[in-house]
PDB file of N, CA and C in Angstrom:
ATOM      1  N   MET A   1      91.533 120.236  87.699  1.00  0.00           N
ATOM      2  CA  MET A   1      91.788 118.824  87.883  1.00  0.00           C
ATOM      3  C   MET A   1      92.176 118.560  89.331  1.00  0.00           C
ATOM      4  N   ARG A   2      91.877 117.339  89.762  1.00  0.00           N
ATOM      5  CA  ARG A   2      92.283 116.932  91.104  1.00  0.00           C
ATOM      6  C   ARG A   2      92.388 115.420  91.156  1.00  0.00           C
ATOM      7  N   PHE A   3      93.160 114.943  92.107  1.00  0.00           N
ATOM      8  CA  PHE A   3      93.380 113.515  92.309  1.00  0.00           C
ATOM      9  C   PHE A   3      92.250 113.003  93.179  1.00  0.00           C
ATOM     10  N   MET A   4      91.414 112.077  92.668  1.00  0.00           N
ATOM     11  CA  MET A   4      90.227 111.620  93.385  1.00  0.00           C
ATOM     12  C   MET A   4      90.455 110.344  94.190  1.00  0.00           C
ATOM     13  N   HIS A   5      90.970 109.292  93.546  1.00  0.00           N
ATOM     14  CA  HIS A   5      91.165 108.034  94.262  1.00  0.00           C
ATOM     15  C   HIS A   5      92.200 107.159  93.579  1.00  0.00           C
ATOM     16  N   THR A   6      92.647 106.171  94.326  1.00  0.00           N
ATOM     17  CA  THR A   6      93.509 105.102  93.821  1.00  0.00           C
ATOM     18  C   THR A   6      92.745 103.805  94.000  1.00  0.00           C
ATOM     19  N   MET A   7      92.737 102.976  92.959  1.00  0.00           N
ATOM     20  CA  MET A   7      92.010 101.708  93.019  1.00  0.00           C
ATOM     21  C   MET A   7      93.001 100.566  93.186  1.00  0.00           C
ATOM     22  N   ILE A   8      92.671  99.649  94.097  1.00  0.00           N
ATOM     23  CA  ILE A   8      93.426  98.405  94.217  1.00  0.00           C
ATOM     24  C   ILE A   8      92.433  97.250  94.241  1.00  0.00           C
ATOM     25  N   ARG A   9      92.836  96.132  93.657  1.00  0.00           N
ATOM     26  CA  ARG A   9      91.991  94.939  93.637  1.00  0.00           C
ATOM     27  C   ARG A   9      92.307  94.092  94.867  1.00  0.00           C
ATOM     28  N   ILE A  10      91.252  93.641  95.508  1.00  0.00           N
ATOM     29  CA  ILE A  10      91.412  92.872  96.745  1.00  0.00           C
ATOM     30  C   ILE A  10      90.636  91.565  96.634  1.00  0.00           C
ATOM     31  N   ARG A  11      91.031  90.579  97.433  1.00  0.00           N
ATOM     32  CA  ARG A  11      90.385  89.259  97.363  1.00  0.00           C
ATOM     33  C   ARG A  11      89.266  89.077  98.379  1.00  0.00           C
ATOM     34  N   ASP A  12      89.388  89.652  99.554  1.00  0.00           N
ATOM     35  CA  ASP A  12      88.392  89.474 100.615  1.00  0.00           C
ATOM     36  C   ASP A  12      87.939  90.862 101.075  1.00  0.00           C
ATOM     37  N   LEU A  13      86.763  91.265 100.638  1.00  0.00           N
ATOM     38  CA  LEU A  13      86.279  92.620 100.900  1.00  0.00           C
ATOM     39  C   LEU A  13      86.157  92.912 102.392  1.00  0.00           C
ATOM     40  N   ASP A  14      85.553  91.993 103.147  1.00  0.00           N
ATOM     41  CA  ASP A  14      85.366  92.233 104.581  1.00  0.00           C
ATOM     42  C   ASP A  14      86.701  92.369 105.306  1.00  0.00           C
ATOM     43  N   ARG A  15      87.638  91.498 104.984  1.00  0.00           N
ATOM     44  CA  ARG A  15      88.958  91.544 105.628  1.00  0.00           C
ATOM     45  C   ARG A  15      89.677  92.853 105.306  1.00  0.00           C
ATOM     46  N   SER A  16      89.595  93.298 104.057  1.00  0.00           N
ATOM     47  CA  SER A  16      90.252  94.552 103.669  1.00  0.00           C
ATOM     48  C   SER A  16      89.592  95.760 104.308  1.00  0.00           C
ATOM     49  N   ILE A  17      88.268  95.778 104.343  1.00  0.00           N
ATOM     50  CA  ILE A  17      87.570  96.895 104.993  1.00  0.00           C
ATOM     51  C   ILE A  17      87.939  96.939 106.471  1.00  0.00           C
ATOM     52  N   GLU A  18      87.984  95.793 107.123  1.00  0.00           N
ATOM     53  CA  GLU A  18      88.366  95.757 108.535  1.00  0.00           C
ATOM     54  C   GLU A  18      89.779  96.319 108.732  1.00  0.00           C
ATOM     55  N   PHE A  19      90.721  95.940 107.862  1.00  0.00           N
ATOM     56  CA  PHE A  19      92.098  96.427 107.965  1.00  0.00           C
ATOM     57  C   PHE A  19      92.146  97.950 107.808  1.00  0.00           C
ATOM     58  N   TYR A  20      91.556  98.459 106.750  1.00  0.00           N
ATOM     59  CA  TYR A  20      91.656  99.895 106.474  1.00  0.00           C
ATOM     60  C   TYR A  20      90.891 100.749 107.488  1.00  0.00           C
ATOM     61  N   THR A  21      89.820 100.208 108.061  1.00  0.00           N
ATOM     62  CA  THR A  21      89.082 100.986 109.064  1.00  0.00           C
ATOM     63  C   THR A  21      89.705 100.850 110.453  1.00  0.00           C
ATOM     64  N   LYS A  22      90.026  99.627 110.865  1.00  0.00           N
ATOM     65  CA  LYS A  22      90.532  99.430 112.233  1.00  0.00           C
ATOM     66  C   LYS A  22      92.011  99.745 112.377  1.00  0.00           C
ATOM     67  N   GLN A  23      92.830  99.385 111.404  1.00  0.00           N
ATOM     68  CA  GLN A  23      94.273  99.626 111.510  1.00  0.00           C
ATOM     69  C   GLN A  23      94.659 101.043 111.079  1.00  0.00           C
ATOM     70  N   LEU A  24      93.999 101.557 110.045  1.00  0.00           N
ATOM     71  CA  LEU A  24      94.392 102.862 109.507  1.00  0.00           C
ATOM     72  C   LEU A  24      93.379 103.969 109.792  1.00  0.00           C
ATOM     73  N   GLY A  25      92.285 103.640 110.440  1.00  0.00           N
ATOM     74  CA  GLY A  25      91.333 104.656 110.864  1.00  0.00           C
ATOM     75  C   GLY A  25      90.501 105.292 109.768  1.00  0.00           C
ATOM     76  N   MET A  26      90.411 104.637 108.622  1.00  0.00           N
ATOM     77  CA  MET A  26      89.589 105.173 107.527  1.00  0.00           C
ATOM     78  C   MET A  26      88.123 104.854 107.786  1.00  0.00           C
ATOM     79  N   GLN A  27      87.272 105.526 107.039  1.00  0.00           N
ATOM     80  CA  GLN A  27      85.837 105.268 107.083  1.00  0.00           C
ATOM     81  C   GLN A  27      85.382 104.751 105.727  1.00  0.00           C
ATOM     82  N   VAL A  28      84.380 103.873 105.747  1.00  0.00           N
ATOM     83  CA  VAL A  28      83.761 103.458 104.488  1.00  0.00           C
ATOM     84  C   VAL A  28      82.875 104.606 104.054  1.00  0.00           C
ATOM     85  N   LEU A  29      83.168 105.163 102.896  1.00  0.00           N
ATOM     86  CA  LEU A  29      82.428 106.323 102.398  1.00  0.00           C
ATOM     87  C   LEU A  29      81.234 105.910 101.550  1.00  0.00           C
ATOM     88  N   LYS A  30      81.415 104.866 100.757  1.00  0.00           N
ATOM     89  CA  LYS A  30      80.310 104.286  99.983  1.00  0.00           C
ATOM     90  C   LYS A  30      80.726 102.914  99.509  1.00  0.00           C
ATOM     91  N   GLN A  31      79.729 102.084  99.284  1.00  0.00           N
ATOM     92  CA  GLN A  31      79.964 100.720  98.828  1.00  0.00           C
ATOM     93  C   GLN A  31      78.811 100.326  97.931  1.00  0.00           C
ATOM     94  N   ASN A  32      79.140  99.841  96.728  1.00  0.00           N
ATOM     95  CA  ASN A  32      78.114  99.462  95.767  1.00  0.00           C
ATOM     96  C   ASN A  32      78.429  98.117  95.151  1.00  0.00           C
ATOM     97  N   ASN A  33      77.394  97.278  95.034  1.00  0.00           N
ATOM     98  CA  ASN A  33      77.503  96.000  94.344  1.00  0.00           C
ATOM     99  C   ASN A  33      77.057  96.185  92.900  1.00  0.00           C
ATOM    100  N   TYR A  34      77.725  95.494  91.987  1.00  0.00           N
ATOM    101  CA  TYR A  34      77.392  95.527  90.569  1.00  0.00           C
ATOM    102  C   TYR A  34      77.184  94.098  90.102  1.00  0.00           C
ATOM    103  N   PRO A  35      75.979  93.542  90.356  1.00  0.00           N
ATOM    104  CA  PRO A  35      75.713  92.128  90.052  1.00  0.00           C
ATOM    105  C   PRO A  35      75.961  91.749  88.595  1.00  0.00           C
ATOM    106  N   SER A  36      75.633  92.619  87.657  1.00  0.00           N
ATOM    107  CA  SER A  36      75.831  92.247  86.247  1.00  0.00           C
ATOM    108  C   SER A  36      77.314  92.145  85.900  1.00  0.00           C
ATOM    109  N   GLY A  37      78.160  92.849  86.627  1.00  0.00           N
ATOM    110  CA  GLY A  37      79.599  92.753  86.415  1.00  0.00           C
ATOM    111  C   GLY A  37      80.290  91.855  87.417  1.00  0.00           C
ATOM    112  N   GLU A  38      79.537  91.402  88.415  1.00  0.00           N
ATOM    113  CA  GLU A  38      80.028  90.525  89.481  1.00  0.00           C
ATOM    114  C   GLU A  38      81.221  91.125  90.226  1.00  0.00           C
ATOM    115  N   PHE A  39      81.032  92.370  90.689  1.00  0.00           N
ATOM    116  CA  PHE A  39      82.060  93.010  91.498  1.00  0.00           C
ATOM    117  C   PHE A  39      81.431  94.014  92.454  1.00  0.00           C
ATOM    118  N   THR A  40      82.204  94.378  93.482  1.00  0.00           N
ATOM    119  CA  THR A  40      81.804  95.384  94.465  1.00  0.00           C
ATOM    120  C   THR A  40      82.895  96.437  94.521  1.00  0.00           C
ATOM    121  N   LEU A  41      82.482  97.689  94.618  1.00  0.00           N
ATOM    122  CA  LEU A  41      83.406  98.797  94.835  1.00  0.00           C
ATOM    123  C   LEU A  41      83.136  99.375  96.212  1.00  0.00           C
ATOM    124  N   ALA A  42      84.195  99.545  96.990  1.00  0.00           N
ATOM    125  CA  ALA A  42      84.096 100.190  98.300  1.00  0.00           C
ATOM    126  C   ALA A  42      85.113 101.326  98.317  1.00  0.00           C
ATOM    127  N   PHE A  43      84.652 102.506  98.688  1.00  0.00           N
ATOM    128  CA  PHE A  43      85.516 103.680  98.773  1.00  0.00           C
ATOM    129  C   PHE A  43      85.753 103.998 100.242  1.00  0.00           C
ATOM    130  N   LEU A  44      87.018 104.118 100.613  1.00  0.00           N
ATOM    131  CA  LEU A  44      87.391 104.387 102.007  1.00  0.00           C
ATOM    132  C   LEU A  44      88.340 105.568 102.055  1.00  0.00           C
ATOM    133  N   GLY A  45      88.277 106.303 103.167  1.00  0.00           N
ATOM    134  CA  GLY A  45      89.195 107.422 103.321  1.00  0.00           C
ATOM    135  C   GLY A  45      88.973 108.154 104.623  1.00  0.00           C
ATOM    136  N   TYR A  46      89.605 109.308 104.694  1.00  0.00           N
ATOM    137  CA  TYR A  46      89.534 110.149 105.895  1.00  0.00           C
ATOM    138  C   TYR A  46      88.568 111.310 105.716  1.00  0.00           C
ATOM    139  N   GLY A  47      87.889 111.348 104.611  1.00  0.00           N
ATOM    140  CA  GLY A  47      86.894 112.367 104.315  1.00  0.00           C
ATOM    141  C   GLY A  47      86.356 112.094 102.925  1.00  0.00           C
ATOM    142  N   THR A  48      85.343 112.798 102.525  1.00  0.00           N
ATOM    143  CA  THR A  48      84.683 112.529 101.254  1.00  0.00           C
ATOM    144  C   THR A  48      85.629 112.695 100.074  1.00  0.00           C
ATOM    145  N   GLU A  49      85.305 111.987  99.009  1.00  0.00           N
ATOM    146  CA  GLU A  49      86.106 112.074  97.794  1.00  0.00           C
ATOM    147  C   GLU A  49      86.042 113.480  97.198  1.00  0.00           C
ATOM    148  N   LYS A  50      85.025 114.221  97.539  1.00  0.00           N
ATOM    149  CA  LYS A  50      84.920 115.605  97.056  1.00  0.00           C
ATOM    150  C   LYS A  50      86.079 116.455  97.581  1.00  0.00           C
ATOM    151  N   ASP A  51      86.510 116.174  98.808  1.00  0.00           N
ATOM    152  CA  ASP A  51      87.534 117.000  99.451  1.00  0.00           C
ATOM    153  C   ASP A  51      88.852 116.284  99.721  1.00  0.00           C
ATOM    154  N   ASN A  52      88.921 114.967  99.501  1.00  0.00           N
ATOM    155  CA  ASN A  52      90.104 114.172  99.843  1.00  0.00           C
ATOM    156  C   ASN A  52      90.366 113.125  98.773  1.00  0.00           C
ATOM    157  N   THR A  53      91.586 112.659  98.726  1.00  0.00           N
ATOM    158  CA  THR A  53      91.902 111.495  97.904  1.00  0.00           C
ATOM    159  C   THR A  53      91.570 110.258  98.734  1.00  0.00           C
ATOM    160  N   VAL A  54      90.917 109.270  98.116  1.00  0.00           N
ATOM    161  CA  VAL A  54      90.468 108.080  98.838  1.00  0.00           C
ATOM    162  C   VAL A  54      90.975 106.826  98.137  1.00  0.00           C
ATOM    163  N   ILE A  55      90.717 105.680  98.743  1.00  0.00           N
ATOM    164  CA  ILE A  55      91.066 104.387  98.163  1.00  0.00           C
ATOM    165  C   ILE A  55      89.793 103.699  97.690  1.00  0.00           C
ATOM    166  N   GLU A  56      89.840 103.187  96.481  1.00  0.00           N
ATOM    167  CA  GLU A  56      88.751 102.377  95.947  1.00  0.00           C
ATOM    168  C   GLU A  56      89.200 100.923  96.005  1.00  0.00           C
ATOM    169  N   LEU A  57      88.513 100.128  96.806  1.00  0.00           N
ATOM    170  CA  LEU A  57      88.768  98.699  96.868  1.00  0.00           C
ATOM    171  C   LEU A  57      87.838  98.020  95.874  1.00  0.00           C
ATOM    172  N   THR A  58      88.400  97.288  94.939  1.00  0.00           N
ATOM    173  CA  THR A  58      87.601  96.573  93.946  1.00  0.00           C
ATOM    174  C   THR A  58      87.664  95.088  94.266  1.00  0.00           C
ATOM    175  N   HIS A  59      86.491  94.518  94.527  1.00  0.00           N
ATOM    176  CA  HIS A  59      86.396  93.093  94.830  1.00  0.00           C
ATOM    177  C   HIS A  59      85.614  92.408  93.723  1.00  0.00           C
ATOM    178  N   ASN A  60      86.313  91.619  92.899  1.00  0.00           N
ATOM    179  CA  ASN A  60      85.655  90.792  91.890  1.00  0.00           C
ATOM    180  C   ASN A  60      85.174  89.527  92.584  1.00  0.00           C
ATOM    181  N   TRP A  61      83.975  89.085  92.254  1.00  0.00           N
ATOM    182  CA  TRP A  61      83.346  88.002  92.992  1.00  0.00           C
ATOM    183  C   TRP A  61      83.892  86.623  92.657  1.00  0.00           C
ATOM    184  N   ASP A  62      84.715  86.523  91.630  1.00  0.00           N
ATOM    185  CA  ASP A  62      85.294  85.209  91.322  1.00  0.00           C
ATOM    186  C   ASP A  62      86.549  85.002  92.164  1.00  0.00           C
ATOM    187  N   ASP A  63      87.248  83.917  91.940  1.00  0.00           N
ATOM    188  CA  ASP A  63      88.419  83.572  92.752  1.00  0.00           C
ATOM    189  C   ASP A  63      89.735  83.882  92.052  1.00  0.00           C
ATOM    190  N   ARG A  64      89.746  84.878  91.170  1.00  0.00           N
ATOM    191  CA  ARG A  64      90.976  85.162  90.431  1.00  0.00           C
ATOM    192  C   ARG A  64      92.094  85.640  91.357  1.00  0.00           C
ATOM    193  N   GLU A  65      93.306  85.355  90.935  1.00  0.00           N
ATOM    194  CA  GLU A  65      94.505  85.798  91.646  1.00  0.00           C
ATOM    195  C   GLU A  65      95.008  87.077  90.987  1.00  0.00           C
ATOM    196  N   TYR A  66      95.666  87.920  91.745  1.00  0.00           N
ATOM    197  CA  TYR A  66      96.222  89.157  91.215  1.00  0.00           C
ATOM    198  C   TYR A  66      97.721  89.190  91.414  1.00  0.00           C
ATOM    199  N   GLU A  67      98.405  89.825  90.481  1.00  0.00           N
ATOM    200  CA  GLU A  67      99.828  90.076  90.609  1.00  0.00           C
ATOM    201  C   GLU A  67     100.005  91.578  90.786  1.00  0.00           C
ATOM    202  N   HIS A  68     100.839  91.953  91.717  1.00  0.00           N
ATOM    203  CA  HIS A  68     101.059  93.382  91.964  1.00  0.00           C
ATOM    204  C   HIS A  68     101.980  94.011  90.933  1.00  0.00           C
ATOM    205  N   GLY A  69     102.751  93.219  90.261  1.00  0.00           N
ATOM    206  CA  GLY A  69     103.677  93.767  89.279  1.00  0.00           C
ATOM    207  C   GLY A  69     104.862  94.425  89.957  1.00  0.00           C
ATOM    208  N   ASN A  70     105.711  95.031  89.179  1.00  0.00           N
ATOM    209  CA  ASN A  70     106.885  95.666  89.762  1.00  0.00           C
ATOM    210  C   ASN A  70     106.909  97.178  89.554  1.00  0.00           C
ATOM    211  N   ALA A  71     105.813  97.744  89.101  1.00  0.00           N
ATOM    212  CA  ALA A  71     105.762  99.189  88.891  1.00  0.00           C
ATOM    213  C   ALA A  71     105.082  99.915  90.052  1.00  0.00           C
ATOM    214  N   PHE A  72     104.076  99.295  90.655  1.00  0.00           N
ATOM    215  CA  PHE A  72     103.382  99.922  91.777  1.00  0.00           C
ATOM    216  C   PHE A  72     104.295  99.920  92.988  1.00  0.00           C
ATOM    217  N   GLY A  73     104.362 101.051  93.684  1.00  0.00           N
ATOM    218  CA  GLY A  73     105.219 101.139  94.859  1.00  0.00           C
ATOM    219  C   GLY A  73     104.466 100.929  96.151  1.00  0.00           C
ATOM    220  N   HIS A  74     103.754 101.953  96.611  1.00  0.00           N
ATOM    221  CA  HIS A  74     103.072 101.859  97.894  1.00  0.00           C
ATOM    222  C   HIS A  74     102.056 102.977  98.045  1.00  0.00           C
ATOM    223  N   LEU A  75     101.198 102.813  99.047  1.00  0.00           N
ATOM    224  CA  LEU A  75     100.330 103.887  99.519  1.00  0.00           C
ATOM    225  C   LEU A  75     101.054 104.527 100.696  1.00  0.00           C
ATOM    226  N   ALA A  76     100.818 105.795 100.970  1.00  0.00           N
ATOM    227  CA  ALA A  76     101.480 106.467 102.091  1.00  0.00           C
ATOM    228  C   ALA A  76     100.422 107.075 103.013  1.00  0.00           C
ATOM    229  N   ILE A  77     100.610 106.869 104.321  1.00  0.00           N
ATOM    230  CA  ILE A  77      99.693 107.359 105.347  1.00  0.00           C
ATOM    231  C   ILE A  77     100.506 108.118 106.390  1.00  0.00           C
ATOM    232  N   GLY A  78     100.080 109.334 106.718  1.00  0.00           N
ATOM    233  CA  GLY A  78     100.728 110.103 107.770  1.00  0.00           C
ATOM    234  C   GLY A  78     100.207 109.686 109.132  1.00  0.00           C
ATOM    235  N   VAL A  79     101.124 109.565 110.107  1.00  0.00           N
ATOM    236  CA  VAL A  79     100.751 109.190 111.474  1.00  0.00           C
ATOM    237  C   VAL A  79     101.424 110.144 112.454  1.00  0.00           C
ATOM    238  N   ASP A  80     100.836 110.292 113.636  1.00  0.00           N
ATOM    239  CA  ASP A  80     101.392 111.191 114.651  1.00  0.00           C
ATOM    240  C   ASP A  80     102.598 110.589 115.362  1.00  0.00           C
ATOM    241  N   ASP A  81     102.495 109.346 115.786  1.00  0.00           N
ATOM    242  CA  ASP A  81     103.551 108.692 116.568  1.00  0.00           C
ATOM    243  C   ASP A  81     103.837 107.349 115.920  1.00  0.00           C
ATOM    244  N   ILE A  82     104.860 107.288 115.111  1.00  0.00           N
ATOM    245  CA  ILE A  82     105.113 106.102 114.291  1.00  0.00           C
ATOM    246  C   ILE A  82     105.458 104.870 115.123  1.00  0.00           C
ATOM    247  N   LYS A  83     106.225 105.043 116.194  1.00  0.00           N
ATOM    248  CA  LYS A  83     106.616 103.886 117.002  1.00  0.00           C
ATOM    249  C   LYS A  83     105.419 103.261 117.701  1.00  0.00           C
ATOM    250  N   THR A  84     104.560 104.089 118.275  1.00  0.00           N
ATOM    251  CA  THR A  84     103.355 103.572 118.932  1.00  0.00           C
ATOM    252  C   THR A  84     102.409 102.952 117.913  1.00  0.00           C
ATOM    253  N   THR A  85     102.252 103.617 116.772  1.00  0.00           N
ATOM    254  CA  THR A  85     101.373 103.093 115.730  1.00  0.00           C
ATOM    255  C   THR A  85     101.830 101.712 115.283  1.00  0.00           C
ATOM    256  N   VAL A  86     103.124 101.573 115.004  1.00  0.00           N
ATOM    257  CA  VAL A  86     103.649 100.286 114.541  1.00  0.00           C
ATOM    258  C   VAL A  86     103.524  99.227 115.633  1.00  0.00           C
ATOM    259  N   GLU A  87     103.802  99.584 116.861  1.00  0.00           N
ATOM    260  CA  GLU A  87     103.697  98.603 117.947  1.00  0.00           C
ATOM    261  C   GLU A  87     102.256  98.144 118.120  1.00  0.00           C
ATOM    262  N   ASN A  88     101.295  99.066 118.051  1.00  0.00           N
ATOM    263  CA  ASN A  88      99.881  98.691 118.145  1.00  0.00           C
ATOM    264  C   ASN A  88      99.484  97.765 117.000  1.00  0.00           C
ATOM    265  N   MET A  89      99.971  98.055 115.800  1.00  0.00           N
ATOM    266  CA  MET A  89      99.670  97.200 114.649  1.00  0.00           C
ATOM    267  C   MET A  89     100.300  95.820 114.811  1.00  0.00           C
ATOM    268  N   ARG A  90     101.521  95.776 115.291  1.00  0.00           N
ATOM    269  CA  ARG A  90     102.206  94.502 115.510  1.00  0.00           C
ATOM    270  C   ARG A  90     101.395  93.622 116.463  1.00  0.00           C
ATOM    271  N   GLN A  91     100.846  94.228 117.522  1.00  0.00           N
ATOM    272  CA  GLN A  91     100.069  93.484 118.523  1.00  0.00           C
ATOM    273  C   GLN A  91      98.818  92.858 117.926  1.00  0.00           C
ATOM    274  N   THR A  92      98.324  93.407 116.820  1.00  0.00           N
ATOM    275  CA  THR A  92      97.123  92.862 116.188  1.00  0.00           C
ATOM    276  C   THR A  92      97.452  92.002 114.974  1.00  0.00           C
ATOM    277  N   GLY A  93      98.742  91.735 114.749  1.00  0.00           N
ATOM    278  CA  GLY A  93      99.127  90.820 113.690  1.00  0.00           C
ATOM    279  C   GLY A  93      99.437  91.440 112.337  1.00  0.00           C
ATOM    280  N   VAL A  94      99.503  92.761 112.245  1.00  0.00           N
ATOM    281  CA  VAL A  94      99.844  93.398 110.976  1.00  0.00           C
ATOM    282  C   VAL A  94     101.300  93.078 110.645  1.00  0.00           C
ATOM    283  N   GLU A  95     101.565  92.771 109.389  1.00  0.00           N
ATOM    284  CA  GLU A  95     102.928  92.466 108.952  1.00  0.00           C
ATOM    285  C   GLU A  95     103.721  93.766 108.812  1.00  0.00           C
ATOM    286  N   ILE A  96     104.791  93.883 109.587  1.00  0.00           N
ATOM    287  CA  ILE A  96     105.685  95.036 109.544  1.00  0.00           C
ATOM    288  C   ILE A  96     106.879  94.638 108.681  1.00  0.00           C
ATOM    289  N   THR A  97     107.107  95.327 107.581  1.00  0.00           N
ATOM    290  CA  THR A  97     108.210  94.958 106.694  1.00  0.00           C
ATOM    291  C   THR A  97     109.420  95.875 106.848  1.00  0.00           C
ATOM    292  N   ARG A  98     109.247  97.015 107.480  1.00  0.00           N
ATOM    293  CA  ARG A  98     110.370  97.894 107.821  1.00  0.00           C
ATOM    294  C   ARG A  98     110.028  98.586 109.122  1.00  0.00           C
ATOM    295  N   GLU A  99     110.886  98.414 110.089  1.00  0.00           N
ATOM    296  CA  GLU A  99     110.670  99.031 111.399  1.00  0.00           C
ATOM    297  C   GLU A  99     110.804 100.552 111.297  1.00  0.00           C
ATOM    298  N   PRO A 100     110.182 101.278 112.235  1.00  0.00           N
ATOM    299  CA  PRO A 100     110.288 102.736 112.210  1.00  0.00           C
ATOM    300  C   PRO A 100     111.738 103.196 112.311  1.00  0.00           C
ATOM    301  N   GLY A 101     112.044 104.209 111.544  1.00  0.00           N
ATOM    302  CA  GLY A 101     113.373 104.789 111.580  1.00  0.00           C
ATOM    303  C   GLY A 101     113.511 105.841 110.507  1.00  0.00           C
ATOM    304  N   PRO A 102     114.656 106.514 110.513  1.00  0.00           N
ATOM    305  CA  PRO A 102     114.845 107.584 109.533  1.00  0.00           C
ATOM    306  C   PRO A 102     114.897 107.029 108.110  1.00  0.00           C
ATOM    307  N   MET A 103     114.477 107.856 107.186  1.00  0.00           N
ATOM    308  CA  MET A 103     114.549 107.501 105.785  1.00  0.00           C
ATOM    309  C   MET A 103     116.018 107.278 105.417  1.00  0.00           C
ATOM    310  N   LYS A 104     116.286 106.229 104.679  1.00  0.00           N
ATOM    311  CA  LYS A 104     117.664 105.933 104.289  1.00  0.00           C
ATOM    312  C   LYS A 104     118.171 106.971 103.289  1.00  0.00           C
ATOM    313  N   PHE A 105     119.441 107.137 103.255  1.00  0.00           N
ATOM    314  CA  PHE A 105     120.118 108.021 102.316  1.00  0.00           C
ATOM    315  C   PHE A 105     119.829 109.491 102.589  1.00  0.00           C
ATOM    316  N   GLY A 106     119.555 109.824 103.828  1.00  0.00           N
ATOM    317  CA  GLY A 106     119.366 111.220 104.199  1.00  0.00           C
ATOM    318  C   GLY A 106     117.932 111.536 104.556  1.00  0.00           C
ATOM    319  N   GLY A 107     117.791 112.664 105.183  1.00  0.00           N
ATOM    320  CA  GLY A 107     116.461 113.076 105.601  1.00  0.00           C
ATOM    321  C   GLY A 107     116.208 112.708 107.037  1.00  0.00           C
ATOM    322  N   ASN A 108     115.415 113.491 107.716  1.00  0.00           N
ATOM    323  CA  ASN A 108     115.121 113.211 109.116  1.00  0.00           C
ATOM    324  C   ASN A 108     113.657 112.843 109.301  1.00  0.00           C
ATOM    325  N   VAL A 109     113.043 112.315 108.283  1.00  0.00           N
ATOM    326  CA  VAL A 109     111.667 111.855 108.371  1.00  0.00           C
ATOM    327  C   VAL A 109     111.690 110.398 108.823  1.00  0.00           C
ATOM    328  N   SER A 110     110.880 110.078 109.813  1.00  0.00           N
ATOM    329  CA  SER A 110     110.788 108.707 110.298  1.00  0.00           C
ATOM    330  C   SER A 110     109.684 107.984 109.538  1.00  0.00           C
ATOM    331  N   ILE A 111     110.030 106.809 108.990  1.00  0.00           N
ATOM    332  CA  ILE A 111     109.071 106.027 108.201  1.00  0.00           C
ATOM    333  C   ILE A 111     109.089 104.569 108.648  1.00  0.00           C
ATOM    334  N   ALA A 112     108.059 103.852 108.262  1.00  0.00           N
ATOM    335  CA  ALA A 112     107.970 102.406 108.449  1.00  0.00           C
ATOM    336  C   ALA A 112     107.134 101.870 107.296  1.00  0.00           C
ATOM    337  N   PHE A 113     107.202 100.560 107.068  1.00  0.00           N
ATOM    338  CA  PHE A 113     106.388  99.945 106.034  1.00  0.00           C
ATOM    339  C   PHE A 113     105.642  98.757 106.614  1.00  0.00           C
ATOM    340  N   ILE A 114     104.376  98.615 106.186  1.00  0.00           N
ATOM    341  CA  ILE A 114     103.530  97.497 106.572  1.00  0.00           C
ATOM    342  C   ILE A 114     102.912  96.906 105.317  1.00  0.00           C
ATOM    343  N   LYS A 115     102.252  95.757 105.467  1.00  0.00           N
ATOM    344  CA  LYS A 115     101.521  95.135 104.358  1.00  0.00           C
ATOM    345  C   LYS A 115     100.045  95.050 104.727  1.00  0.00           C
ATOM    346  N   ASP A 116      99.181  95.284 103.736  1.00  0.00           N
ATOM    347  CA  ASP A 116      97.751  95.087 103.960  1.00  0.00           C
ATOM    348  C   ASP A 116      97.426  93.612 103.733  1.00  0.00           C
ATOM    349  N   PRO A 117      96.173  93.182 103.937  1.00  0.00           N
ATOM    350  CA  PRO A 117      95.842  91.753 103.810  1.00  0.00           C
ATOM    351  C   PRO A 117      96.126  91.144 102.438  1.00  0.00           C
ATOM    352  N   ASP A 118      96.180  91.973 101.392  1.00  0.00           N
ATOM    353  CA  ASP A 118      96.460  91.470 100.052  1.00  0.00           C
ATOM    354  C   ASP A 118      97.916  91.640  99.659  1.00  0.00           C
ATOM    355  N   GLY A 119      98.747  92.098 100.591  1.00  0.00           N
ATOM    356  CA  GLY A 119     100.169  92.229 100.323  1.00  0.00           C
ATOM    357  C   GLY A 119     100.598  93.558  99.748  1.00  0.00           C
ATOM    358  N   TYR A 120      99.668  94.516  99.666  1.00  0.00           N
ATOM    359  CA  TYR A 120     100.054  95.850  99.197  1.00  0.00           C
ATOM    360  C   TYR A 120     100.891  96.531 100.278  1.00  0.00           C
ATOM    361  N   THR A 121     101.924  97.236  99.855  1.00  0.00           N
ATOM    362  CA  THR A 121     102.802  97.934 100.774  1.00  0.00           C
ATOM    363  C   THR A 121     102.208  99.289 101.126  1.00  0.00           C
ATOM    364  N   ILE A 122     102.273  99.614 102.422  1.00  0.00           N
ATOM    365  CA  ILE A 122     101.825 100.914 102.913  1.00  0.00           C
ATOM    366  C   ILE A 122     102.963 101.526 103.705  1.00  0.00           C
ATOM    367  N   GLU A 123     103.344 102.720 103.327  1.00  0.00           N
ATOM    368  CA  GLU A 123     104.368 103.462 104.037  1.00  0.00           C
ATOM    369  C   GLU A 123     103.697 104.329 105.100  1.00  0.00           C
ATOM    370  N   LEU A 124     104.182 104.240 106.313  1.00  0.00           N
ATOM    371  CA  LEU A 124     103.733 105.109 107.390  1.00  0.00           C
ATOM    372  C   LEU A 124     104.784 106.203 107.551  1.00  0.00           C
ATOM    373  N   ILE A 125     104.357 107.442 107.561  1.00  0.00           N
ATOM    374  CA  ILE A 125     105.267 108.585 107.657  1.00  0.00           C
ATOM    375  C   ILE A 125     104.882 109.392 108.879  1.00  0.00           C
ATOM    376  N   GLU A 126     105.835 109.590 109.783  1.00  0.00           N
ATOM    377  CA  GLU A 126     105.539 110.376 110.991  1.00  0.00           C
ATOM    378  C   GLU A 126     105.458 111.847 110.599  1.00  0.00           C
ATOM    379  N   GLU A 127     104.337 112.462 110.956  1.00  0.00           N
ATOM    380  CA  GLU A 127     104.133 113.878 110.644  1.00  0.00           C
ATOM    381  C   GLU A 127     104.518 114.746 111.815  1.00  0.00           C
TER     382      GLU A 127
END
């Protein structure tokens, strides 16, 4: 067994693909339209799903609204230089919800939190 992907529902496919590719450096691995179901699936990541865990963006073609609920936490992305990464994102308008700094309640790992275009939380972890 292995962990293949995490799916999130998004409202604007182009805007989300731009965010995940330009802000987080992912690549579009595959994208398929399903006209009979009126949705598109786009898989993005840092390598193929065969060798990496990726994100599946699901775009339903109608105008439905989504609720994130209170059980989902966040996606986590490792970065080399968290302060520079966050500052570069800030300059392009990315919403920063927690500035870079040590993890609260102990630990010497530096983290920050941002929001994607649909409001999903992404934790940045300095590696």
